[in-house]
Amino acid sequence: MNICRKTVQKIAQIGQQQQDELLARQEQMRQAHDHLIQNSHSILEAQVPIHLSLNKLYAFESSNLSYT
């Protein structure tokens, strides 16, 4: 019976270690996901001025073409 109890304890310990590792990996994935979302927002925010400048440039070029 002593061997059986040790085996069960070892299995429980391994199960606990695997659960702890899974939780740690889930947290890493959550942090990576949050980081990607923040980067996506930053990229989108940076594109707004670029698009506005391109629209102004297009309008300027269009007005210059109409005068030539």
Protein backbone atom coordinates (compact mmCIF):
# COMPACT_ATOMS: atom_id res chain seq x y z
CA MET A 1 0.00 0.00 0.00
CA ASN A 2 2.87 2.36 0.68
CA ILE A 3 4.06 2.03 -2.93
CA CYS A 4 0.55 2.73 -4.18
CA ARG A 5 0.28 5.88 -2.03
CA LYS A 6 3.66 7.14 -3.25
CA THR A 7 2.62 6.52 -6.84
CA VAL A 8 -0.61 8.45 -6.37
CA GLN A 9 1.28 11.31 -4.69
CA LYS A 10 3.80 11.39 -7.53
CA ILE A 11 1.02 11.47 -10.13
CA ALA A 12 -0.71 14.27 -8.21
CA GLN A 13 2.57 16.20 -8.03
CA ILE A 14 3.16 15.81 -11.77
CA GLY A 15 -0.41 16.91 -12.45
CA GLN A 16 0.06 20.00 -10.28
CA GLN A 17 3.33 20.86 -12.03
CA GLN A 18 1.67 20.55 -15.44
CA GLN A 19 -1.23 22.73 -14.32
CA ASP A 20 1.19 25.37 -13.00
CA GLU A 21 3.11 25.33 -16.29
CA LEU A 22 -0.13 25.65 -18.25
CA LEU A 23 -1.24 28.63 -16.17
CA ALA A 24 2.15 30.30 -16.63
CA ARG A 25 1.98 29.76 -20.41
CA GLN A 26 -1.57 31.09 -20.52
CA GLU A 27 -0.37 34.24 -18.75
CA GLN A 28 2.50 34.59 -21.23
CA MET A 29 0.05 34.24 -24.11
CA ARG A 30 -2.27 36.84 -22.57
CA GLN A 31 0.60 39.28 -22.18
CA ALA A 32 1.74 38.67 -25.76
CA HIS A 33 -1.82 39.20 -26.99
CA ASP A 34 -2.12 42.46 -25.03
CA HIS A 35 1.22 43.60 -26.46
CA LEU A 36 0.06 42.84 -30.01
CA ILE A 37 -3.15 44.76 -29.46
CA GLN A 38 -1.22 47.78 -28.16
CA ASN A 39 1.13 47.64 -31.15
CA SER A 40 -1.81 47.41 -33.55
CA HIS A 41 -3.39 50.49 -31.99
CA SER A 42 -0.10 52.37 -32.23
CA ILE A 43 0.29 51.44 -35.89
CA LEU A 44 -3.25 52.51 -36.70
CA GLU A 45 -2.78 55.81 -34.85
CA ALA A 46 0.44 56.45 -36.76
CA GLN A 47 -1.30 55.84 -40.09
CA VAL A 48 -3.91 58.55 -39.56
CA PRO A 49 -1.53 61.51 -40.07
CA ILE A 50 0.01 59.74 -43.06
CA HIS A 51 -3.38 59.33 -44.72
CA LEU A 52 -4.31 62.94 -43.95
CA SER A 53 -1.05 64.14 -45.49
CA LEU A 54 -1.57 61.99 -48.56
CA ASN A 55 -5.10 63.35 -48.97
CA LYS A 56 -3.77 66.92 -48.74
CA LEU A 57 -1.04 66.13 -51.25
CA TYR A 58 -3.58 64.56 -53.61
CA ALA A 59 -5.83 67.63 -53.30
CA PHE A 60 -2.86 69.93 -53.93
CA GLU A 61 -1.75 67.94 -56.98
CA SER A 62 -5.30 67.87 -58.31
CA SER A 63 -5.65 71.63 -57.94
CA ASN A 64 -2.30 72.16 -59.68
CA LEU A 65 -3.33 69.93 -62.57
CA SER A 66 -6.54 71.88 -63.08
CA TYR A 67 -4.58 75.13 -63.45
CA THR A 68 -2.20 73.78 -66.09
